[in-house]
Amino acid sequence: MPQLNPAPWFMILVFSWLVFLTIIPPKIIAHSFPNEPTSQAAQKPKTDSWNWPWH
């Protein structure tokens, strides 16, 4: 039963985790968004009251 031989499967597991932990995270961290969000508190929109005739 070849499933019980841990030699090839353990190395595949180690190399796959090595790729996941060393190559992929810097690529994800280096990603930048094209439109950075601005603070909503920086500028408050001016609101005018509505002067509607209610009759």
N, C-alpha and C. Protein backbone atom coordinates (compact mmCIF):
# COMPACT_ATOMS: atom_id res chain seq x y z
N MET A 1 0.84 -1.18 0.00
CA MET A 1 0.00 0.00 0.00
C MET A 1 0.89 1.25 0.00
N PRO A 2 0.98 1.95 -1.12
CA PRO A 2 1.89 3.10 -1.19
C PRO A 2 1.44 4.29 -0.37
N GLN A 3 0.19 4.35 0.07
CA GLN A 3 -0.27 5.48 0.86
C GLN A 3 0.43 5.54 2.22
N LEU A 4 0.90 4.42 2.68
CA LEU A 4 1.51 4.38 4.01
C LEU A 4 2.98 4.79 3.99
N ASN A 5 3.55 4.96 2.82
CA ASN A 5 4.94 5.39 2.73
C ASN A 5 4.96 6.92 2.83
N PRO A 6 5.45 7.50 3.94
CA PRO A 6 5.36 8.95 4.12
C PRO A 6 6.44 9.74 3.39
N ALA A 7 7.40 9.07 2.79
CA ALA A 7 8.54 9.79 2.21
C ALA A 7 8.12 10.78 1.12
N PRO A 8 7.44 10.40 0.05
CA PRO A 8 7.14 11.41 -0.98
C PRO A 8 6.07 12.41 -0.53
N TRP A 9 5.10 11.97 0.24
CA TRP A 9 4.00 12.85 0.62
C TRP A 9 4.44 13.89 1.64
N PHE A 10 5.34 13.52 2.51
CA PHE A 10 5.83 14.49 3.49
C PHE A 10 6.63 15.59 2.82
N MET A 11 7.44 15.25 1.83
CA MET A 11 8.23 16.26 1.13
C MET A 11 7.32 17.17 0.30
N ILE A 12 6.27 16.61 -0.29
CA ILE A 12 5.31 17.43 -1.02
C ILE A 12 4.63 18.40 -0.05
N LEU A 13 4.26 17.93 1.12
CA LEU A 13 3.65 18.80 2.13
C LEU A 13 4.61 19.90 2.56
N VAL A 14 5.85 19.57 2.81
CA VAL A 14 6.83 20.55 3.26
C VAL A 14 7.09 21.60 2.19
N PHE A 15 7.27 21.17 0.95
CA PHE A 15 7.55 22.13 -0.11
C PHE A 15 6.34 23.00 -0.44
N SER A 16 5.15 22.44 -0.35
CA SER A 16 3.97 23.26 -0.61
C SER A 16 3.81 24.32 0.47
N TRP A 17 4.04 23.97 1.74
CA TRP A 17 3.95 24.97 2.81
C TRP A 17 5.09 25.98 2.72
N LEU A 18 6.23 25.53 2.24
CA LEU A 18 7.34 26.46 2.04
C LEU A 18 6.97 27.51 0.99
N VAL A 19 6.31 27.08 -0.06
CA VAL A 19 5.85 28.02 -1.08
C VAL A 19 4.79 28.95 -0.50
N PHE A 20 3.83 28.39 0.22
CA PHE A 20 2.75 29.21 0.77
C PHE A 20 3.25 30.25 1.76
N LEU A 21 4.26 29.90 2.54
CA LEU A 21 4.69 30.80 3.61
C LEU A 21 5.82 31.74 3.22
N THR A 22 6.49 31.50 2.09
CA THR A 22 7.61 32.37 1.74
C THR A 22 7.40 33.15 0.45
N ILE A 23 6.69 32.62 -0.50
CA ILE A 23 6.55 33.28 -1.79
C ILE A 23 5.25 34.05 -1.89
N ILE A 24 4.16 33.48 -1.44
CA ILE A 24 2.85 34.10 -1.65
C ILE A 24 2.59 35.30 -0.72
N PRO A 25 2.89 35.28 0.58
CA PRO A 25 2.59 36.45 1.43
C PRO A 25 3.23 37.76 0.99
N PRO A 26 4.49 37.81 0.57
CA PRO A 26 5.02 39.11 0.10
C PRO A 26 4.28 39.63 -1.13
N LYS A 27 3.82 38.75 -1.99
CA LYS A 27 3.06 39.20 -3.16
C LYS A 27 1.72 39.79 -2.74
N ILE A 28 1.10 39.21 -1.73
CA ILE A 28 -0.19 39.72 -1.27
C ILE A 28 0.01 41.04 -0.51
N ILE A 29 1.04 41.13 0.31
CA ILE A 29 1.29 42.34 1.08
C ILE A 29 1.67 43.50 0.16
N ALA A 30 2.35 43.23 -0.95
CA ALA A 30 2.78 44.28 -1.86
C ALA A 30 1.64 44.80 -2.73
N HIS A 31 0.49 44.16 -2.68
CA HIS A 31 -0.65 44.61 -3.49
C HIS A 31 -1.15 45.95 -2.99
N SER A 32 -1.38 46.87 -3.93
CA SER A 32 -1.92 48.17 -3.55
C SER A 32 -3.22 48.41 -4.29
N PHE A 33 -4.13 49.08 -3.64
CA PHE A 33 -5.42 49.38 -4.24
C PHE A 33 -5.29 50.63 -5.10
N PRO A 34 -5.94 50.69 -6.24
CA PRO A 34 -5.80 51.87 -7.10
C PRO A 34 -6.45 53.11 -6.51
N ASN A 35 -7.51 52.98 -5.77
CA ASN A 35 -8.19 54.12 -5.16
C ASN A 35 -8.15 53.98 -3.65
N GLU A 36 -7.30 54.75 -3.03
CA GLU A 36 -7.22 54.71 -1.58
C GLU A 36 -8.44 55.42 -1.00
N PRO A 37 -9.07 54.86 0.02
CA PRO A 37 -10.24 55.52 0.60
C PRO A 37 -9.85 56.79 1.34
N THR A 38 -10.69 57.80 1.23
CA THR A 38 -10.45 59.05 1.93
C THR A 38 -11.31 59.10 3.19
N SER A 39 -10.88 59.87 4.12
CA SER A 39 -11.61 59.99 5.38
C SER A 39 -12.89 60.78 5.17
N GLN A 40 -13.98 60.29 5.71
CA GLN A 40 -15.25 61.00 5.60
C GLN A 40 -15.29 62.22 6.51
N ALA A 41 -14.49 62.22 7.56
CA ALA A 41 -14.50 63.35 8.49
C ALA A 41 -13.72 64.54 7.95
N ALA A 42 -12.96 64.37 6.88
CA ALA A 42 -12.14 65.46 6.36
C ALA A 42 -13.01 66.58 5.80
N GLN A 43 -14.07 66.24 5.08
CA GLN A 43 -14.94 67.27 4.54
C GLN A 43 -16.38 66.86 4.76
N LYS A 44 -17.11 67.75 5.38
CA LYS A 44 -18.51 67.46 5.68
C LYS A 44 -19.38 68.09 4.59
N PRO A 45 -20.26 67.33 3.98
CA PRO A 45 -21.08 67.92 2.93
C PRO A 45 -22.06 68.94 3.49
N LYS A 46 -22.25 70.02 2.74
CA LYS A 46 -23.16 71.08 3.19
C LYS A 46 -24.59 70.66 2.87
N THR A 47 -25.43 70.68 3.86
CA THR A 47 -26.83 70.32 3.67
C THR A 47 -27.70 71.55 3.79
N ASP A 48 -28.56 71.77 2.82
CA ASP A 48 -29.50 72.88 2.84
C ASP A 48 -30.88 72.36 3.20
N SER A 49 -31.63 73.19 3.89
CA SER A 49 -33.00 72.78 4.22
C SER A 49 -33.88 72.99 2.99
N TRP A 50 -34.91 72.19 2.88
CA TRP A 50 -35.83 72.30 1.76
C TRP A 50 -36.95 73.28 2.14
N ASN A 51 -37.16 74.26 1.30
CA ASN A 51 -38.23 75.22 1.53
C ASN A 51 -39.41 74.86 0.60
N TRP A 52 -40.17 73.91 1.03
CA TRP A 52 -41.32 73.49 0.25
C TRP A 52 -42.59 74.14 0.81
N PRO A 53 -43.46 74.61 -0.06
CA PRO A 53 -44.76 75.10 0.43
C PRO A 53 -45.64 73.92 0.82
N TRP A 54 -46.07 73.87 2.05
CA TRP A 54 -46.85 72.73 2.53
C TRP A 54 -48.35 73.07 2.59
N HIS A 55 -48.87 73.74 1.60
CA HIS A 55 -50.30 74.04 1.58
C HIS A 55 -50.89 73.72 0.24
